[in-house]
């Protein structure tokens, strides 16, 4: 079982397709893709209307191979009794063999999309860039039925997921041969993703997502010989008189994420201890005792004293997570971290990223987070619905949250505490950040869906309270888990 799901750029997919063409007869890859597309569309018709025969499908057909895939799929649906109409956006460049196949099976060619039950988006493929052109945009805007996208939603960049104008928002996207970055970076435009294998031999991915089962299998749980020290001791410097809640959320997350011990060395520990009496408070960082990682920054302030405490933590040879106010301090004094040899994880949102780098992220988030990680020689977790984790010399990891329930004040404090706990347990920085992002997103979704199936807005406290059930859910996915569920 693969421990990661890879996402492959247009260039990587084209190279794999070129190799495939040397092994199979001409036209076979398109036939495989079209058959998979037709199968998914038939399943959608059955699920949405109760049947297939007599239903109507409209094809929006561009000039590329995706248009050919749509036309061939339309011919296969015709053989199953579906009424198929093709709207050719560039008739002179429509895929000739696909068009002939559709006509042979009785498919119609029209300038009008009609009143279909489902629409297939075959306007552009992985070679397309930029928004939909006016004629296509007008057609798509007039639709009020489910759309199944062939390989990717037209108008969305295949490599960056950027949307710069009119674009298709699909209910289902049928990925041909490989997942592409668009499928995770622009998930709201893709809807559900269905992968159709066509025989591609793919390289090692440069963008990948950890599979939940692998996170559950590797999440640290106590073994028979463990004690509170061997399970990892997490140090927390967070909170201030102005933001006492940040310390509660951060320390509480480290506790819930199965740290053997959490030591708190921030401002007045009263609120932290009132909520989590198992936390051990210290007067200062130097008097905290042995820890295996530090988390610095949530609500810690940006004054001179906070800067000195950050420098003290970064001067250790321990893994350090820097978040929130800590990132503001680093933006003013990046040399504090650039010379470190111990693992360092920075967790910026878009605004903090801009302060660290001096520029906005731009449309290519993967390139941006990779550049910062390489330049500073740190691990960078760039927050978002699709959270990205970059470590120098390694593939970028991505976690698509499935929603934006965690986009709430204080949620980042929880995330940094989880990462710190995993680092204290000896896990690698990139894995710790990616696994924490998955557990964090799952906790947010559990909290949002707890009281109402349609989900409701949440705050950081319910997210924290659902963290342990989220971890338990991930652990339950692990094959033959040897540790008891707690």
Protein backbone atom coordinates (compact mmCIF):
# COMPACT_ATOMS: atom_id res chain seq x y z
CA UNK A 1 0.00 0.00 0.00
CA UNK A 2 1.38 3.42 -1.00
CA UNK A 3 2.06 5.70 1.96
CA UNK A 4 1.64 8.82 -0.20
CA UNK A 5 -0.56 10.08 -3.01
CA UNK A 6 1.51 11.81 -5.67
CA UNK A 7 0.45 14.80 -7.75
CA UNK A 8 2.15 15.25 -11.11
CA UNK A 9 2.65 18.37 -13.22
CA UNK A 10 1.54 18.71 -16.82
CA UNK A 11 5.13 18.23 -18.01
CA UNK A 12 5.53 15.07 -15.91
CA UNK A 13 2.27 13.64 -17.22
CA UNK A 14 3.11 14.46 -20.84
CA UNK A 15 6.48 12.72 -20.48
CA UNK A 16 4.75 9.65 -19.01
CA UNK A 17 2.20 9.70 -21.82
CA UNK A 18 4.98 9.84 -24.43
CA UNK A 19 6.52 6.74 -22.87
CA UNK A 20 3.11 5.02 -22.79
CA UNK A 21 2.62 5.65 -26.52
CA UNK A 22 5.72 3.53 -27.22
CA UNK A 23 4.13 0.53 -25.45
CA UNK A 24 0.50 0.52 -26.62
CA UNK A 25 -1.24 0.94 -29.98
CA UNK A 26 -2.27 4.39 -31.11
CA UNK A 27 -5.53 5.52 -29.57
CA UNK A 28 -5.54 3.06 -26.67
CA UNK A 29 -4.78 5.65 -23.94
CA UNK A 30 -7.67 7.84 -25.12
CA UNK A 31 -9.99 4.84 -25.25
CA UNK A 32 -9.06 3.93 -21.68
CA UNK A 33 -9.63 7.51 -20.51
CA UNK A 34 -12.92 7.82 -22.37
CA UNK A 35 -14.21 4.50 -21.02
CA UNK A 36 -13.40 5.60 -17.48
CA UNK A 37 -15.09 8.97 -18.07
CA UNK A 38 -18.20 7.34 -19.52
CA UNK A 39 -18.36 4.93 -16.59
CA UNK A 40 -18.25 7.77 -14.05
CA UNK A 41 -20.88 9.78 -15.96
CA UNK A 42 -23.16 6.72 -16.15
CA UNK A 43 -22.80 6.24 -12.39
CA UNK A 44 -23.67 9.91 -11.84
CA UNK A 45 -26.77 9.59 -14.01
CA UNK A 46 -27.86 6.49 -12.14
CA UNK A 47 -27.28 8.11 -8.73
CA UNK A 48 -28.96 11.40 -9.62
CA UNK A 49 -31.83 10.29 -11.86
CA UNK A 50 -32.29 6.60 -11.11
CA UNK A 51 -31.32 5.39 -14.58
CA UNK A 52 -29.19 5.80 -17.70
CA UNK A 53 -31.23 5.03 -20.81
CA UNK A 54 -33.21 8.01 -22.00
CA UNK A 55 -31.18 10.52 -19.99
CA UNK A 56 -29.41 13.45 -21.64
CA UNK A 57 -25.74 14.44 -21.56
CA UNK A 58 -24.16 17.49 -23.16
CA UNK A 59 -20.49 17.56 -24.10
CA UNK A 60 -18.60 20.88 -24.07
CA UNK A 61 -15.84 20.08 -26.54
CA UNK A 62 -12.62 22.03 -27.00
CA UNK A 63 -9.83 21.47 -29.49
CA UNK A 64 -7.48 19.33 -27.41
CA UNK A 65 -7.32 15.70 -26.37
CA UNK A 66 -9.75 16.37 -23.54
CA UNK A 67 -12.31 17.21 -26.21
CA UNK A 68 -11.49 13.88 -27.84
CA UNK A 69 -11.94 12.09 -24.52
CA UNK A 70 -15.35 13.72 -24.13
CA UNK A 71 -16.44 12.79 -27.68
CA UNK A 72 -15.38 9.16 -27.32
CA UNK A 73 -17.09 8.99 -23.91
CA UNK A 74 -20.21 10.45 -25.53
CA UNK A 75 -20.20 7.70 -28.16
CA UNK A 76 -19.95 5.06 -25.41
CA UNK A 77 -22.86 6.65 -23.54
CA UNK A 78 -24.93 6.68 -26.75
CA UNK A 79 -24.53 2.91 -26.94
CA UNK A 80 -26.14 2.74 -23.50
CA UNK A 81 -29.17 4.71 -24.62
CA UNK A 82 -28.14 8.18 -23.47
CA UNK A 83 -29.10 11.17 -25.61
CA UNK A 84 -25.79 12.95 -26.27
CA UNK A 85 -25.33 16.45 -27.66
CA UNK A 86 -21.91 17.93 -28.40
CA UNK A 87 -21.27 21.67 -28.42
CA UNK A 88 -18.08 22.24 -30.43
CA UNK A 89 -16.32 25.38 -29.26
CA UNK A 90 -13.83 25.17 -32.14
CA UNK A 91 -15.41 22.95 -34.81
CA UNK A 92 -12.46 23.12 -37.20
CA UNK A 93 -10.13 21.68 -34.55
CA UNK A 94 -12.42 19.13 -32.92
CA UNK A 95 -10.89 15.67 -32.47
CA UNK A 96 -11.70 14.01 -35.82
CA UNK A 97 -11.89 10.35 -34.74
CA UNK A 98 -13.85 11.16 -31.59
CA UNK A 99 -16.28 13.29 -33.57
CA UNK A 100 -16.75 10.52 -36.14
CA UNK A 101 -17.40 7.99 -33.36
CA UNK A 102 -20.04 10.20 -31.78
CA UNK A 103 -21.80 10.78 -35.11
CA UNK A 104 -21.70 7.07 -35.93
CA UNK A 105 -23.57 6.26 -32.70
CA UNK A 106 -26.19 8.94 -33.32
CA UNK A 107 -24.88 11.78 -31.22
CA UNK A 108 -26.02 15.29 -32.10
CA UNK A 109 -23.89 18.36 -32.83
CA UNK A 110 -25.46 21.63 -31.74
CA UNK A 111 -24.69 25.20 -30.76
CA UNK A 112 -27.14 24.86 -27.85
CA UNK A 113 -26.34 22.92 -24.68
CA UNK A 114 -30.02 21.97 -24.37
CA UNK A 115 -31.47 20.70 -21.08
CA UNK A 116 -29.15 17.86 -20.06
CA UNK A 117 -29.07 15.82 -16.88
CA UNK A 118 -25.25 16.01 -16.76
CA UNK A 119 -22.62 18.02 -18.64
CA UNK A 120 -19.13 16.79 -19.51
CA UNK A 121 -16.46 19.50 -19.47
CA UNK A 122 -13.97 18.68 -22.22
CA UNK A 123 -13.06 22.27 -23.05
CA UNK A 124 -9.34 22.29 -22.20
CA UNK A 125 -6.83 19.81 -20.80
CA UNK A 126 -3.48 19.97 -19.04
CA UNK A 127 -2.00 22.10 -21.82
CA UNK A 128 -4.57 24.83 -21.22
CA UNK A 129 -3.75 27.97 -19.30
CA UNK A 130 -5.77 30.95 -18.22
CA UNK A 131 -9.50 31.51 -17.76
CA UNK A 132 -12.28 30.34 -20.04
CA UNK A 133 -12.68 32.31 -23.23
CA UNK A 134 -15.87 34.37 -23.53
CA UNK A 135 -17.92 31.86 -25.55
CA UNK A 136 -17.06 28.99 -23.22
CA UNK A 137 -17.55 31.15 -20.14
CA UNK A 138 -21.04 32.14 -21.33
CA UNK A 139 -22.00 28.51 -21.92
CA UNK A 140 -20.74 27.40 -18.51
CA UNK A 141 -22.36 30.31 -16.67
CA UNK A 142 -25.77 29.34 -18.10
CA UNK A 143 -25.56 25.77 -16.76
CA UNK A 144 -27.53 24.67 -13.72
CA UNK A 145 -26.82 20.93 -13.81
CA UNK A 146 -24.01 18.71 -12.49
CA UNK A 147 -20.72 18.97 -14.38
CA UNK A 148 -18.23 16.13 -14.77
CA UNK A 149 -14.81 17.49 -15.75
CA UNK A 150 -12.55 15.48 -18.04
CA UNK A 151 -9.17 15.41 -16.24
CA UNK A 152 -9.49 18.91 -14.76
CA UNK A 153 -11.97 21.79 -14.57
CA UNK A 154 -11.39 24.06 -17.54
CA UNK A 155 -10.07 27.49 -16.63
CA UNK A 156 -8.13 26.25 -13.59
CA UNK A 157 -4.34 26.05 -13.92
CA UNK A 158 -3.29 22.37 -13.89
CA UNK A 159 -0.02 22.96 -12.02
CA UNK A 160 -0.86 25.73 -9.55
CA UNK A 161 -4.63 25.51 -9.14
CA UNK A 162 -4.79 29.26 -9.80
CA UNK A 163 -8.09 30.71 -11.00
CA UNK A 164 -7.73 34.07 -12.72
CA UNK A 165 -11.16 34.41 -14.31
CA UNK A 166 -14.16 32.36 -15.41
CA UNK A 167 -13.68 28.65 -14.74
CA UNK A 168 -15.67 25.46 -14.50
CA UNK A 169 -16.70 24.40 -11.00
CA UNK A 170 -17.18 20.66 -11.37
CA UNK A 171 -19.18 18.27 -9.23
CA UNK A 172 -16.86 15.42 -10.22
CA UNK A 173 -13.45 15.44 -11.90
CA UNK A 174 -12.21 12.30 -13.65
CA UNK A 175 -8.40 12.33 -13.49
CA UNK A 176 -6.75 10.46 -16.35
CA UNK A 177 -3.72 8.37 -15.41
CA UNK A 178 -2.46 10.51 -12.54
CA UNK A 179 -3.54 13.07 -9.99
CA UNK A 180 -2.41 16.58 -10.91
CA UNK A 181 -1.66 19.51 -8.55
CA UNK A 182 -4.97 21.13 -9.53
CA UNK A 183 -6.82 18.23 -7.92
CA UNK A 184 -5.54 19.14 -4.46
CA UNK A 185 -4.70 22.84 -4.79
CA UNK A 186 -8.09 23.77 -6.26
CA UNK A 187 -10.26 21.08 -4.71
CA UNK A 188 -13.40 23.26 -4.47
CA UNK A 189 -13.37 23.57 -8.28
CA UNK A 190 -12.81 19.83 -8.79
CA UNK A 191 -15.49 18.34 -6.57
CA UNK A 192 -15.06 14.62 -6.04
CA UNK A 193 -11.99 13.15 -7.75
CA UNK A 194 -12.16 9.82 -9.58
CA UNK A 195 -8.87 8.40 -10.89
CA UNK A 196 -8.92 6.35 -14.10
CA UNK A 197 -5.67 4.39 -14.60
CA UNK A 198 -4.46 4.37 -18.21
CA UNK A 199 -1.08 2.69 -17.75
CA UNK A 200 1.27 5.60 -17.03
CA UNK A 201 4.68 4.94 -15.48
CA UNK A 202 5.21 7.95 -13.25
CA UNK A 203 8.32 9.33 -11.53
CA UNK A 204 8.68 9.98 -7.84
CA UNK A 205 6.34 12.91 -7.11
CA UNK A 206 7.52 16.38 -6.15
CA UNK A 207 4.14 17.08 -4.54
CA UNK A 208 2.47 14.45 -2.39
CA UNK A 209 -0.08 13.90 0.37
CA UNK A 210 0.39 11.50 3.24
CA UNK A 211 -2.29 8.82 3.16
CA UNK A 212 -4.41 8.91 6.36
CA UNK A 213 -3.73 5.21 6.98
CA UNK A 214 0.01 5.88 7.10
CA UNK A 215 -0.49 8.75 9.53
CA UNK A 216 -2.53 6.52 11.79
CA UNK A 217 0.07 3.75 11.61
CA UNK A 218 2.95 6.07 12.52
CA UNK A 219 1.24 8.27 15.10
CA UNK A 220 3.20 7.92 18.37
CA UNK A 221 1.47 5.86 21.04
CA UNK A 222 3.00 4.52 24.24
CA UNK A 223 4.66 1.13 24.08
CA UNK A 224 5.09 -1.32 26.95
CA UNK A 225 8.47 0.13 27.95
CA UNK A 226 7.59 3.83 27.59
CA UNK A 227 7.38 6.38 30.38
CA UNK A 228 6.43 10.04 30.37
CA UNK A 229 9.90 11.09 29.25
CA UNK A 230 10.39 8.61 26.41
CA UNK A 231 7.03 9.58 24.91
CA UNK A 232 8.35 13.09 24.33
CA UNK A 233 8.34 16.22 26.45
CA UNK A 234 7.03 19.32 24.69
CA UNK A 235 8.04 22.79 25.82
CA UNK A 236 5.57 25.64 25.23
CA UNK A 237 6.31 29.36 25.28
CA UNK A 238 3.02 31.01 24.37
CA UNK A 239 0.45 33.42 25.68
CA UNK A 240 0.68 36.77 27.41
CA UNK A 241 -1.57 38.90 29.61
CA UNK A 242 -3.22 40.17 26.42
CA UNK A 243 -3.64 36.69 24.88
CA UNK A 244 -3.87 34.08 27.66
CA UNK A 245 -6.08 31.82 25.55
CA UNK A 246 -3.30 31.17 23.05
CA UNK A 247 -1.29 29.40 25.73
CA UNK A 248 -4.29 27.28 26.74
CA UNK A 249 -4.95 26.18 23.17
CA UNK A 250 -1.31 25.50 22.32
CA UNK A 251 -0.50 23.60 25.51
CA UNK A 252 -3.80 21.73 25.37
CA UNK A 253 -3.06 20.56 21.85
CA UNK A 254 0.32 19.20 22.90
CA UNK A 255 -1.40 17.31 25.73
CA UNK A 256 -4.08 15.89 23.43
CA UNK A 257 -1.56 14.91 20.78
CA UNK A 258 -0.07 12.41 23.25
CA UNK A 259 2.98 14.17 24.61
CA UNK A 260 4.30 12.27 27.62
CA UNK A 261 4.67 15.62 29.36
CA UNK A 262 4.08 19.25 28.51
CA UNK A 263 6.18 21.94 30.16
CA UNK A 264 4.93 25.51 30.05
CA UNK A 265 7.34 28.43 30.38
CA UNK A 266 5.26 31.37 29.18
CA UNK A 267 3.46 34.12 31.03
CA UNK A 268 1.24 33.51 34.08
CA UNK A 269 0.41 29.77 33.89
CA UNK A 270 -2.84 30.07 35.82
CA UNK A 271 -5.19 29.65 32.87
CA UNK A 272 -3.15 26.81 31.40
CA UNK A 273 -3.09 24.87 34.67
CA UNK A 274 -6.76 25.52 35.33
CA UNK A 275 -7.61 23.82 32.03
CA UNK A 276 -4.83 21.25 31.96
CA UNK A 277 -3.50 20.48 35.45
CA UNK A 278 -1.16 17.83 34.01
CA UNK A 279 0.99 20.57 32.44
CA UNK A 280 4.19 21.33 34.39
CA UNK A 281 4.83 25.07 34.72
CA UNK A 282 8.26 26.68 35.04
CA UNK A 283 9.38 30.21 35.82
CA UNK A 284 11.47 30.49 32.68
CA UNK A 285 12.81 28.62 29.68
CA UNK A 286 16.11 27.99 31.43
CA UNK A 287 14.33 26.41 34.41
CA UNK A 288 11.96 24.25 32.38
CA UNK A 289 13.99 21.10 32.68
CA UNK A 290 14.44 18.56 29.93
CA UNK A 291 12.29 18.89 26.82
CA UNK A 292 12.52 17.30 23.37
CA UNK A 293 11.01 20.20 21.41
CA UNK A 294 9.86 23.78 21.79
CA UNK A 295 6.83 25.63 20.46
CA UNK A 296 7.23 29.38 20.48
CA UNK A 297 4.97 32.22 19.52
CA UNK A 298 1.18 31.98 19.85
CA UNK A 299 0.14 35.12 21.70
CA UNK A 300 3.68 35.55 23.07
CA UNK A 301 4.09 39.20 22.11
CA UNK A 302 6.66 40.96 19.96
CA UNK A 303 8.53 43.11 22.48
CA UNK A 304 12.21 42.90 23.35
CA UNK A 305 11.67 40.33 26.07
CA UNK A 306 9.78 38.05 23.66
CA UNK A 307 12.55 38.46 21.12
CA UNK A 308 15.13 37.43 23.72
CA UNK A 309 13.08 34.37 24.69
CA UNK A 310 12.83 33.37 21.05
CA UNK A 311 16.59 33.72 20.65
CA UNK A 312 17.05 31.57 23.76
CA UNK A 313 14.86 28.79 22.37
CA UNK A 314 16.48 28.93 18.94
CA UNK A 315 19.94 28.73 20.51
CA UNK A 316 19.15 25.19 21.70
CA UNK A 317 19.85 22.11 19.60
CA UNK A 318 16.21 21.02 19.88
CA UNK A 319 13.46 21.03 17.25
CA UNK A 320 11.52 24.31 17.41
CA UNK A 321 8.13 25.31 16.01
CA UNK A 322 7.78 29.06 15.44
CA UNK A 323 4.28 30.43 14.98
CA UNK A 324 2.29 33.67 15.18
CA UNK A 325 4.17 36.39 17.12
CA UNK A 326 7.34 34.34 16.76
CA UNK A 327 7.08 34.72 12.98
CA UNK A 328 6.70 38.47 13.32
CA UNK A 329 9.91 38.51 15.34
CA UNK A 330 11.70 36.39 12.75
CA UNK A 331 10.57 38.66 9.94
CA UNK A 332 12.41 41.48 11.69
CA UNK A 333 15.47 39.35 12.50
CA UNK A 334 15.74 36.31 10.21
CA UNK A 335 19.32 35.61 11.28
CA UNK A 336 17.88 34.17 14.49
CA UNK A 337 16.91 31.06 12.59
CA UNK A 338 18.96 30.91 9.41
CA UNK A 339 22.06 29.49 11.05
CA UNK A 340 20.26 26.72 12.96
CA UNK A 341 21.18 23.10 12.31
CA UNK A 342 18.44 21.61 14.49
CA UNK A 343 14.99 21.16 12.89
CA UNK A 344 12.94 24.33 12.66
CA UNK A 345 9.31 24.50 11.55
CA UNK A 346 7.73 27.83 10.57
CA UNK A 347 3.92 27.90 10.30
CA UNK A 348 2.88 31.09 8.47
CA UNK A 349 -0.46 32.01 7.01
CA UNK A 350 -0.45 34.13 3.84
CA UNK A 351 0.08 37.45 5.63
CA UNK A 352 2.90 36.10 7.80
CA UNK A 353 4.49 34.55 4.72
CA UNK A 354 4.51 37.97 3.06
CA UNK A 355 6.18 39.50 6.13
CA UNK A 356 8.84 36.78 6.16
CA UNK A 357 9.66 37.06 2.46
CA UNK A 358 8.86 40.67 1.66
CA UNK A 359 6.40 39.69 -1.10
CA UNK A 360 3.00 38.13 -1.60
CA UNK A 361 2.75 34.41 -2.20
CA UNK A 362 1.57 34.73 -5.80
CA UNK A 363 -0.37 32.14 -7.83
CA UNK A 364 2.20 29.33 -7.46
CA UNK A 365 1.97 28.46 -3.76
CA UNK A 366 4.06 25.30 -4.15
CA UNK A 367 7.00 27.17 -5.66
CA UNK A 368 6.68 29.93 -3.06
CA UNK A 369 6.78 27.63 -0.03
CA UNK A 370 9.61 25.59 -1.55
CA UNK A 371 11.66 28.73 -2.18
CA UNK A 372 11.30 29.95 1.42
CA UNK A 373 12.23 26.55 2.84
CA UNK A 374 15.32 26.33 0.63
CA UNK A 375 16.36 29.94 1.27
CA UNK A 376 16.08 29.70 5.07
CA UNK A 377 16.91 25.97 5.33
CA UNK A 378 13.86 25.29 7.47
CA UNK A 379 10.59 23.40 7.17
CA UNK A 380 7.73 25.71 6.21
CA UNK A 381 4.06 24.91 6.73
CA UNK A 382 2.00 27.35 4.68
CA UNK A 383 -1.53 27.38 6.04
CA UNK A 384 -4.61 27.23 3.86
CA UNK A 385 -7.39 24.88 2.86
CA UNK A 386 -4.60 23.10 0.98
CA UNK A 387 -1.81 23.36 3.55
CA UNK A 388 1.68 22.97 2.06
CA UNK A 389 4.77 21.69 3.86
CA UNK A 390 8.20 22.21 2.31
CA UNK A 391 11.54 20.89 3.59
CA UNK A 392 14.84 21.52 1.76
CA UNK A 393 15.63 18.80 -0.74
CA UNK A 394 12.36 16.89 -0.19
CA UNK A 395 9.02 16.71 -2.02
CA UNK A 396 6.45 19.26 -0.91
CA UNK A 397 3.69 17.66 1.16
CA UNK A 398 0.10 18.83 0.96
CA UNK A 399 -2.97 18.36 3.12
CA UNK A 400 -6.34 19.26 1.63
CA UNK A 401 -8.62 19.91 4.60
CA UNK A 402 -11.89 19.15 2.83
CA UNK A 403 -13.30 22.45 4.07
CA UNK A 404 -12.36 25.66 5.84
CA UNK A 405 -13.69 24.84 9.30
CA UNK A 406 -10.24 25.44 10.81
CA UNK A 407 -10.13 29.01 9.48
CA UNK A 408 -10.94 30.47 12.87
CA UNK A 409 -9.07 32.46 15.52
CA UNK A 410 -6.89 30.26 17.71
CA UNK A 411 -6.89 27.24 15.40
CA UNK A 412 -3.27 27.92 14.46
CA UNK A 413 -2.30 27.78 18.16
CA UNK A 414 -3.73 24.28 18.28
CA UNK A 415 -1.85 23.25 15.14
CA UNK A 416 1.52 24.43 16.46
CA UNK A 417 0.98 22.47 19.68
CA UNK A 418 0.31 19.27 17.72
CA UNK A 419 3.45 19.72 15.63
CA UNK A 420 5.52 20.31 18.74
CA UNK A 421 4.23 17.11 20.32
CA UNK A 422 5.10 15.04 17.25
CA UNK A 423 8.58 16.57 17.07
CA UNK A 424 9.11 15.79 20.75
CA UNK A 425 8.22 12.17 20.00
CA UNK A 426 11.07 12.03 17.50
CA UNK A 427 9.13 12.34 14.27
CA UNK A 428 10.68 14.12 11.27
CA UNK A 429 9.74 17.78 10.75
CA UNK A 430 7.94 17.35 7.42
CA UNK A 431 6.00 14.32 8.61
CA UNK A 432 5.15 16.03 11.90
CA UNK A 433 3.79 19.09 10.13
CA UNK A 434 1.82 17.11 7.53
CA UNK A 435 0.40 14.63 10.06
CA UNK A 436 -0.53 17.46 12.42
CA UNK A 437 -2.31 19.28 9.58
CA UNK A 438 -4.35 16.14 8.80
CA UNK A 439 -5.35 15.53 12.43
CA UNK A 440 -6.11 19.25 12.85
CA UNK A 441 -8.35 19.31 9.76
CA UNK A 442 -10.14 16.15 10.83
CA UNK A 443 -10.75 17.56 14.31
CA UNK A 444 -12.23 20.72 12.77
CA UNK A 445 -14.52 18.68 10.54
CA UNK A 446 -15.64 16.49 13.43
CA UNK A 447 -16.40 19.58 15.50
CA UNK A 448 -18.33 21.21 12.68
CA UNK A 449 -20.47 18.13 12.02
CA UNK A 450 -21.08 17.12 15.62
CA UNK A 451 -24.43 18.79 16.11
CA UNK A 452 -25.74 19.26 12.58
CA UNK A 453 -25.17 17.16 9.45
CA UNK A 454 -24.86 20.29 7.31
CA UNK A 455 -22.01 21.50 9.55
CA UNK A 456 -21.81 24.80 11.36
CA UNK A 457 -19.08 27.34 12.07
CA UNK A 458 -16.80 26.44 14.95
CA UNK A 459 -14.26 28.10 17.20
CA UNK A 460 -10.86 26.81 18.29
CA UNK A 461 -12.05 25.31 21.59
CA UNK A 462 -14.34 22.68 20.00
CA UNK A 463 -11.56 21.92 17.52
CA UNK A 464 -9.19 21.22 20.42
CA UNK A 465 -11.79 19.07 22.17
CA UNK A 466 -12.16 16.94 19.01
CA UNK A 467 -8.44 16.47 18.50
CA UNK A 468 -8.17 13.24 20.45
CA UNK A 469 -11.17 11.66 18.65
CA UNK A 470 -9.56 12.73 15.36
CA UNK A 471 -6.30 10.99 16.28
CA UNK A 472 -8.25 7.95 17.40
CA UNK A 473 -9.99 7.90 14.00
CA UNK A 474 -6.65 8.01 12.20
CA UNK A 475 -5.25 5.28 14.43
CA UNK A 476 -8.26 3.09 13.65
CA UNK A 477 -7.28 3.17 9.98
CA UNK A 478 -3.92 1.54 10.71
CA UNK A 479 -3.73 -2.11 9.70
CA UNK A 480 -3.69 -4.43 12.72
CA UNK A 481 -2.88 -1.72 15.28
CA UNK A 482 -0.96 -3.13 18.21
CA UNK A 483 -1.62 -0.29 20.61
CA UNK A 484 -4.99 0.06 22.37
CA UNK A 485 -7.37 2.78 21.33
CA UNK A 486 -7.63 5.41 24.03
